[in-house]
Amino acid sequence: MEFSAKQIATFIQGEIIGNENATVTTFAKIEEGMPGAISFLSNPKYTPYIYTTQSSIVLVNKDFTPEHEVQATLIKVDNAYESLAKLLTLYEASKPKKQGVDPLAYVAPTAKLGENVYIGPFAYIGENVEVGNDTLIYPHTYIGDGVKMGKSCTVYPNASIYHDCRIGNECTIHSGAVIGADGFGFAPTAEGYTKIPQIGIVILEDKVDIGANTCVDRATMGATIIHSGAKLDNLIQIAHNNEIGSHTVMAAQVGIAGSTKVGEWCMFGGQVGLAGHLNIGDKVNFAAQSGVMNNVNTGSSFLGSPAYDAKQFAKSYVVYKKLPDMYSEVNALRKEIEELKKLIKK
């Protein structure tokens, strides 16, 4: 589809600088721009590219002032990255959606499918499953007995949702993700470890994204809950009976042990690890590879392993870098003290 700068500016409430009739049909990174493409400039590191990009339209923040001539038509907005997200959402929504049940799919007789649902080939839909309107279930997907899924969800190939789990509206579950596998529960005995049955479920509320190969384990009893708007990257492990707050985001390889509660609007960098039975407040930030062993108050920022306050970590790291020199100085002082002791004895 083709859009003009005027149409785009109207949609995102932007100000046009240049040709309002410039048209685009695709998106491109600013450094790889081409005629007929729209790009964006948000990170100042990429500013030099705006003077050389071949893109026809570039989204920029309102405070951007060019130092040289710019060939592209600019659209000034409050937040260029956020406006790009709106345009990408519009572009994605304009694509034709698949519909219908493929003859090679299995749908149990007791399953209930909403309107405009797509079930791809070799997908399995179990007994008493409910699938909401406009939901897309791609090939080789497993939806276990009793699963309830809302409207406008997308489940990509080879994802598995175990029995009785609950999926809200507008959720996205990527390939290889597993929702509702058993939690890691074993009781030690003299003969080894005895498995503890995991009889709970997983609940994903509305607008939750689950990345590829991410696992959300079912609860031992009750529910493991991912609240509305949470976004989980690829290769994440959410253990049994965890509760993840609304709009919390986690980068790849985060691991959270069982029965931990995470607040709303938290941010987890890659490879953050949390011990079990913790309480994490709202709006907490963990830098990549933080190892968290204790409860964390609302509004905190932590890094390191074991993790501690980010400001204290930064101060400590300044000292840490000086340790080799300090070690040499201490050794030199020891030698001087020994020499002084010898002189005093004489």
Protein backbone atom coordinates (compact mmCIF):
# COMPACT_ATOMS: atom_id res chain seq x y z
CA MET A 1 0.00 0.00 0.00
CA GLU A 2 1.09 3.57 -0.67
CA PHE A 3 0.83 6.42 1.83
CA SER A 4 1.66 10.10 1.47
CA ALA A 5 3.47 12.27 3.99
CA LYS A 6 0.20 14.16 4.52
CA GLN A 7 -1.71 10.96 5.33
CA ILE A 8 1.02 9.75 7.69
CA ALA A 9 1.31 13.10 9.47
CA THR A 10 -2.46 13.17 9.99
CA PHE A 11 -2.43 9.68 11.49
CA ILE A 12 0.44 10.34 13.93
CA GLN A 13 -0.33 14.05 14.46
CA GLY A 14 3.00 15.22 13.10
CA GLU A 15 4.32 18.37 11.43
CA ILE A 16 5.58 18.06 7.84
CA ILE A 17 8.84 19.72 6.83
CA GLY A 18 9.16 19.33 3.06
CA ASN A 19 6.97 17.74 0.42
CA GLU A 20 3.59 16.70 1.82
CA ASN A 21 2.93 14.66 -1.34
CA ALA A 22 6.00 12.44 -0.91
CA THR A 23 4.86 8.80 -0.89
CA VAL A 24 6.18 5.60 0.66
CA THR A 25 5.36 1.92 0.31
CA THR A 26 7.80 0.32 2.76
CA PHE A 27 9.98 0.82 5.84
CA ALA A 28 13.79 0.99 6.06
CA LYS A 29 16.47 1.74 8.62
CA ILE A 30 17.79 5.25 8.14
CA GLU A 31 21.27 4.00 7.23
CA GLU A 32 19.77 1.66 4.62
CA GLY A 33 17.19 4.07 3.25
CA MET A 34 15.83 3.86 -0.29
CA PRO A 35 13.39 5.88 -2.37
CA GLY A 36 9.82 5.06 -1.41
CA ALA A 37 10.74 4.08 2.16
CA ILE A 38 10.02 5.72 5.50
CA SER A 39 12.68 5.75 8.22
CA PHE A 40 13.01 7.25 11.68
CA LEU A 41 15.64 9.06 13.72
CA SER A 42 15.47 8.63 17.48
CA ASN A 43 18.99 7.77 18.64
CA PRO A 44 21.41 10.73 18.24
CA LYS A 45 24.14 8.29 17.15
CA TYR A 46 22.35 7.93 13.82
CA THR A 47 22.01 11.68 13.14
CA PRO A 48 24.71 11.76 10.39
CA TYR A 49 22.62 9.37 8.30
CA ILE A 50 19.76 11.83 7.96
CA TYR A 51 21.88 13.91 5.59
CA THR A 52 22.68 10.97 3.32
CA THR A 53 19.66 8.67 3.58
CA GLN A 54 17.76 7.90 0.40
CA SER A 55 14.48 7.38 2.26
CA SER A 56 11.63 9.58 1.06
CA ILE A 57 10.27 10.34 4.55
CA VAL A 58 11.97 10.38 7.95
CA LEU A 59 10.24 10.63 11.33
CA VAL A 60 12.14 12.86 13.78
CA ASN A 61 11.52 14.23 17.25
CA LYS A 62 10.16 17.78 17.49
CA ASP A 63 13.38 19.08 19.00
CA PHE A 64 15.47 17.96 16.01
CA THR A 65 17.08 20.85 14.11
CA PRO A 66 19.12 19.90 11.02
CA GLU A 67 22.60 21.37 10.70
CA HIS A 68 22.75 20.76 6.95
CA GLU A 69 20.30 20.36 4.09
CA VAL A 70 18.10 17.26 4.29
CA GLN A 71 16.74 15.76 1.07
CA ALA A 72 14.03 13.66 2.73
CA THR A 73 10.67 14.99 3.83
CA LEU A 74 10.65 15.19 7.62
CA ILE A 75 7.68 14.56 9.88
CA LYS A 76 8.23 16.00 13.36
CA VAL A 77 6.50 14.19 16.24
CA ASP A 78 6.73 14.06 20.03
CA ASN A 79 8.39 10.62 19.96
CA ALA A 80 9.72 9.25 16.66
CA TYR A 81 10.13 5.69 17.93
CA GLU A 82 6.61 5.57 19.36
CA SER A 83 5.18 6.98 16.13
CA LEU A 84 7.04 4.35 14.12
CA ALA A 85 5.45 1.67 16.31
CA LYS A 86 1.99 3.07 15.50
CA LEU A 87 2.74 2.99 11.78
CA LEU A 88 4.11 -0.55 11.92
CA THR A 89 0.97 -1.63 13.78
CA LEU A 90 -1.18 -0.02 11.08
CA TYR A 91 0.91 -1.69 8.37
CA GLU A 92 0.62 -5.09 10.03
CA ALA A 93 -3.14 -4.69 10.51
CA SER A 94 -3.57 -3.91 6.81
CA LYS A 95 -2.18 -7.30 5.76
CA PRO A 96 -4.81 -9.90 4.83
CA LYS A 97 -5.46 -12.37 7.66
CA LYS A 98 -5.71 -16.12 7.23
CA GLN A 99 -9.05 -17.73 8.01
CA GLY A 100 -10.59 -21.17 8.17
CA VAL A 101 -9.66 -24.61 9.46
CA ASP A 102 -7.16 -26.46 7.30
CA PRO A 103 -8.27 -30.01 6.39
CA LEU A 104 -5.03 -31.36 7.85
CA ALA A 105 -5.71 -29.83 11.29
CA TYR A 106 -7.36 -31.80 14.10
CA VAL A 107 -10.16 -30.07 15.98
CA ALA A 108 -11.93 -32.06 18.70
CA PRO A 109 -15.72 -32.28 18.30
CA THR A 110 -16.25 -30.51 21.63
CA ALA A 111 -14.00 -27.55 20.77
CA LYS A 112 -15.65 -24.17 20.19
CA LEU A 113 -14.14 -21.87 17.58
CA GLY A 114 -15.07 -18.21 17.20
CA GLU A 115 -15.57 -16.28 13.99
CA ASN A 116 -12.73 -15.68 11.50
CA VAL A 117 -10.44 -18.16 13.28
CA TYR A 118 -7.49 -19.74 11.46
CA ILE A 119 -6.27 -23.23 12.33
CA GLY A 120 -3.21 -24.25 10.31
CA PRO A 121 -2.29 -27.73 9.03
CA PHE A 122 -1.25 -30.30 11.64
CA ALA A 123 -2.39 -28.10 14.51
CA TYR A 124 -4.10 -30.00 17.35
CA ILE A 125 -7.09 -28.51 19.16
CA GLY A 126 -8.13 -30.65 22.15
CA GLU A 127 -11.42 -31.43 23.84
CA ASN A 128 -13.47 -28.52 25.24
CA VAL A 129 -11.06 -25.91 23.93
CA GLU A 130 -12.49 -22.43 23.36
CA VAL A 131 -10.89 -20.11 20.81
CA GLY A 132 -12.04 -16.50 20.47
CA ASN A 133 -12.83 -14.53 17.32
CA ASP A 134 -10.03 -13.56 14.91
CA THR A 135 -7.45 -15.79 16.59
CA LEU A 136 -4.71 -17.34 14.44
CA ILE A 137 -3.27 -20.75 15.32
CA TYR A 138 -0.42 -21.68 13.00
CA PRO A 139 0.71 -25.17 11.86
CA HIS A 140 2.06 -27.81 14.25
CA THR A 141 0.64 -26.03 17.29
CA TYR A 142 -0.69 -27.98 20.29
CA ILE A 143 -3.67 -26.63 22.24
CA GLY A 144 -4.44 -29.02 25.11
CA ASP A 145 -7.82 -30.05 26.48
CA GLY A 146 -9.81 -27.38 28.28
CA VAL A 147 -7.70 -24.41 27.15
CA LYS A 148 -9.62 -21.14 26.95
CA MET A 149 -8.21 -18.55 24.53
CA GLY A 150 -9.55 -15.04 23.89
CA LYS A 151 -9.97 -13.05 20.72
CA SER A 152 -7.32 -11.72 18.32
CA CYS A 153 -4.56 -13.97 19.64
CA THR A 154 -1.70 -15.35 17.53
CA VAL A 155 -0.03 -18.68 18.29
CA TYR A 156 2.93 -19.34 16.02
CA PRO A 157 4.13 -22.76 14.75
CA ASN A 158 5.28 -25.42 17.19
CA ALA A 159 4.08 -23.60 20.29
CA SER A 160 2.37 -25.73 22.97
CA ILE A 161 -0.32 -24.72 25.43
CA TYR A 162 -0.99 -27.46 27.97
CA HIS A 163 -4.39 -28.43 29.30
CA ASP A 164 -6.70 -26.01 31.12
CA CYS A 165 -4.52 -22.91 30.72
CA ARG A 166 -6.17 -19.54 30.20
CA ILE A 167 -5.07 -17.12 27.48
CA GLY A 168 -6.55 -13.60 27.34
CA ASN A 169 -7.30 -11.34 24.37
CA GLU A 170 -4.67 -10.10 21.91
CA CYS A 171 -1.91 -12.35 23.21
CA THR A 172 1.03 -13.44 21.04
CA ILE A 173 2.82 -16.73 21.65
CA HIS A 174 5.87 -17.35 19.47
CA SER A 175 7.31 -20.55 18.05
CA GLY A 176 8.60 -23.14 20.47
CA ALA A 177 7.07 -21.47 23.53
CA VAL A 178 5.56 -23.82 26.13
CA ILE A 179 2.74 -22.59 28.33
CA GLY A 180 1.74 -24.84 31.21
CA ALA A 181 4.45 -27.50 31.41
CA ASP A 182 4.95 -28.95 34.89
CA GLY A 183 6.70 -26.84 37.47
CA PHE A 184 9.98 -28.23 38.81
CA GLY A 185 8.58 -29.90 41.91
CA PHE A 186 10.24 -32.97 43.45
CA ALA A 187 10.35 -34.22 47.04
CA PRO A 188 13.65 -35.82 48.18
CA THR A 189 13.34 -39.33 49.61
CA ALA A 190 15.76 -42.07 50.59
CA GLU A 191 15.30 -43.64 47.15
CA GLY A 192 15.67 -40.39 45.17
CA TYR A 193 13.24 -37.68 44.17
CA THR A 194 9.49 -38.17 44.04
CA LYS A 195 7.57 -35.99 41.61
CA ILE A 196 4.98 -33.65 43.11
CA PRO A 197 1.96 -33.44 40.79
CA GLN A 198 1.48 -29.96 39.37
CA ILE A 199 -2.29 -29.51 39.34
CA GLY A 200 -2.47 -25.74 38.80
CA ILE A 201 -2.66 -23.76 35.56
CA VAL A 202 -1.12 -20.77 33.76
CA ILE A 203 -3.08 -17.57 33.18
CA LEU A 204 -1.96 -15.07 30.56
CA GLU A 205 -4.02 -11.90 30.79
CA ASP A 206 -4.71 -9.57 27.83
CA LYS A 207 -1.98 -8.29 25.47
CA VAL A 208 0.77 -10.55 26.82
CA ASP A 209 3.66 -11.42 24.47
CA ILE A 210 5.61 -14.64 24.97
CA GLY A 211 8.86 -14.98 23.00
CA ALA A 212 10.21 -17.98 21.12
CA ASN A 213 11.27 -20.95 23.27
CA THR A 214 10.12 -19.25 26.46
CA CYS A 215 8.56 -21.48 29.12
CA VAL A 216 5.89 -20.52 31.63
CA ASP A 217 5.34 -23.40 34.06
CA ARG A 218 1.96 -24.32 35.53
CA ALA A 219 1.43 -23.86 39.24
CA THR A 220 1.70 -26.65 41.78
CA MET A 221 -1.70 -25.41 42.98
CA GLY A 222 -3.55 -22.30 41.89
CA ALA A 223 -2.07 -20.38 38.97
CA THR A 224 1.11 -18.95 37.52
CA ILE A 225 -0.04 -15.52 36.33
CA ILE A 226 1.36 -13.16 33.70
CA HIS A 227 -0.65 -9.96 34.05
CA SER A 228 -1.88 -7.76 31.22
CA GLY A 229 0.59 -6.03 28.94
CA ALA A 230 3.67 -7.96 30.11
CA LYS A 231 6.24 -8.70 27.39
CA LEU A 232 8.60 -11.66 27.66
CA ASP A 233 11.50 -12.08 25.22
CA ASN A 234 12.88 -15.36 23.88
CA LEU A 235 14.40 -18.12 26.04
CA ILE A 236 12.91 -17.04 29.37
CA GLN A 237 12.01 -19.38 32.25
CA ILE A 238 9.06 -18.48 34.49
CA ALA A 239 8.73 -21.10 37.21
CA HIS A 240 5.63 -22.39 38.99
CA ASN A 241 3.38 -20.07 40.98
CA ASN A 242 5.17 -16.92 39.85
CA GLU A 243 3.18 -13.73 39.34
CA ILE A 244 4.47 -11.17 36.84
CA GLY A 245 2.98 -7.68 37.08
CA SER A 246 1.30 -5.71 34.30
CA HIS A 247 3.54 -4.07 31.68
CA THR A 248 6.71 -5.67 33.02
CA VAL A 249 9.27 -6.44 30.30
CA MET A 250 12.02 -9.07 30.33
CA ALA A 251 14.93 -9.52 27.91
CA ALA A 252 16.26 -12.90 26.81
CA GLN A 253 17.43 -15.63 29.20
CA VAL A 254 15.83 -14.24 32.35
CA GLY A 255 15.16 -17.00 34.87
CA ILE A 256 12.79 -16.68 37.84
CA ALA A 257 12.52 -19.39 40.48
CA GLY A 258 9.16 -20.44 41.93
CA SER A 259 6.65 -18.48 44.01
CA THR A 260 8.18 -15.08 43.26
CA LYS A 261 5.98 -12.02 42.78
CA VAL A 262 7.16 -9.27 40.41
CA GLY A 263 5.45 -5.88 40.38
CA GLU A 264 4.18 -3.70 37.55
CA TRP A 265 6.29 -1.79 35.00
CA CYS A 266 9.53 -3.55 35.93
CA MET A 267 12.40 -3.91 33.45
CA PHE A 268 14.71 -6.94 33.36
CA GLY A 269 17.91 -6.96 31.32
CA GLY A 270 19.21 -10.13 29.71
CA GLN A 271 20.18 -13.11 31.92
CA VAL A 272 18.77 -11.67 35.13
CA GLY A 273 18.21 -14.42 37.70
CA LEU A 274 15.79 -14.28 40.66
CA ALA A 275 15.68 -16.66 43.59
CA GLY A 276 12.35 -18.13 44.68
CA HIS A 277 9.80 -16.76 47.18
CA LEU A 278 10.77 -13.11 46.60
CA ASN A 279 8.69 -9.95 46.39
CA ILE A 280 9.80 -7.39 43.80
CA GLY A 281 8.14 -3.97 43.91
CA ASP A 282 6.77 -1.88 41.04
CA LYS A 283 9.01 -0.03 38.56
CA VAL A 284 12.15 -1.93 39.53
CA ASN A 285 15.02 -2.07 37.01
CA PHE A 286 17.53 -4.92 36.89
CA ALA A 287 20.62 -4.54 34.70
CA ALA A 288 21.75 -7.50 32.62
CA GLN A 289 23.12 -10.52 34.55
CA SER A 290 21.89 -9.27 37.92
CA GLY A 291 21.57 -12.06 40.48
CA VAL A 292 18.74 -11.25 42.90
CA MET A 293 18.57 -13.06 46.24
CA ASN A 294 16.41 -10.73 48.37
CA ASN A 295 13.20 -8.72 48.21
CA VAL A 296 13.43 -5.41 46.32
CA ASN A 297 11.50 -2.22 47.08
CA THR A 298 9.48 -0.25 44.55
CA GLY A 299 11.42 2.13 42.30
CA SER A 300 14.84 0.56 42.86
CA SER A 301 17.59 -0.05 40.29
CA PHE A 302 19.94 -2.98 40.82
CA LEU A 303 22.87 -4.63 39.10
CA GLY A 304 25.64 -7.09 39.85
CA SER A 305 25.64 -10.61 41.24
CA PRO A 306 24.60 -10.65 43.98
CA ALA A 307 22.63 -7.60 42.89
CA TYR A 308 22.66 -4.39 44.87
CA ASP A 309 21.77 -0.74 44.45
CA ALA A 310 22.94 0.62 41.07
CA LYS A 311 24.44 3.82 42.48
CA GLN A 312 26.35 1.94 45.15
CA PHE A 313 27.50 -0.55 42.52
CA ALA A 314 28.86 2.29 40.36
CA LYS A 315 30.75 3.78 43.31
CA SER A 316 32.13 0.37 44.25
CA TYR A 317 33.22 -0.35 40.70
CA VAL A 318 35.32 2.82 40.65
CA VAL A 319 37.23 1.41 43.63
CA TYR A 320 37.33 -2.09 42.13
CA LYS A 321 39.18 -0.84 39.05
CA LYS A 322 41.83 0.69 41.30
CA LEU A 323 42.43 -2.51 43.31
CA PRO A 324 45.62 -3.57 41.44
CA ASP A 325 47.25 -0.18 42.16
CA MET A 326 45.99 -0.21 45.73
CA TYR A 327 47.40 -3.72 46.18
CA SER A 328 50.80 -2.54 45.00
CA GLU A 329 50.64 0.46 47.33
CA VAL A 330 49.73 -1.75 50.30
CA ASN A 331 52.68 -4.05 49.58
CA ALA A 332 54.98 -1.04 49.33
CA LEU A 333 53.67 0.29 52.65
CA ARG A 334 54.23 -3.12 54.26
CA LYS A 335 57.86 -3.07 53.18
CA GLU A 336 58.33 0.45 54.53
CA ILE A 337 56.76 -0.55 57.86
CA GLU A 338 59.07 -3.57 58.15
CA GLU A 339 62.11 -1.39 57.43
CA LEU A 340 60.96 1.13 60.05
CA LYS A 341 60.51 -1.68 62.60
CA LYS A 342 64.09 -2.81 61.95
CA LEU A 343 65.42 0.73 62.40
CA ILE A 344 63.47 1.15 65.67
CA LYS A 345 64.92 -2.12 67.06
CA LYS A 346 68.45 -0.90 66.29
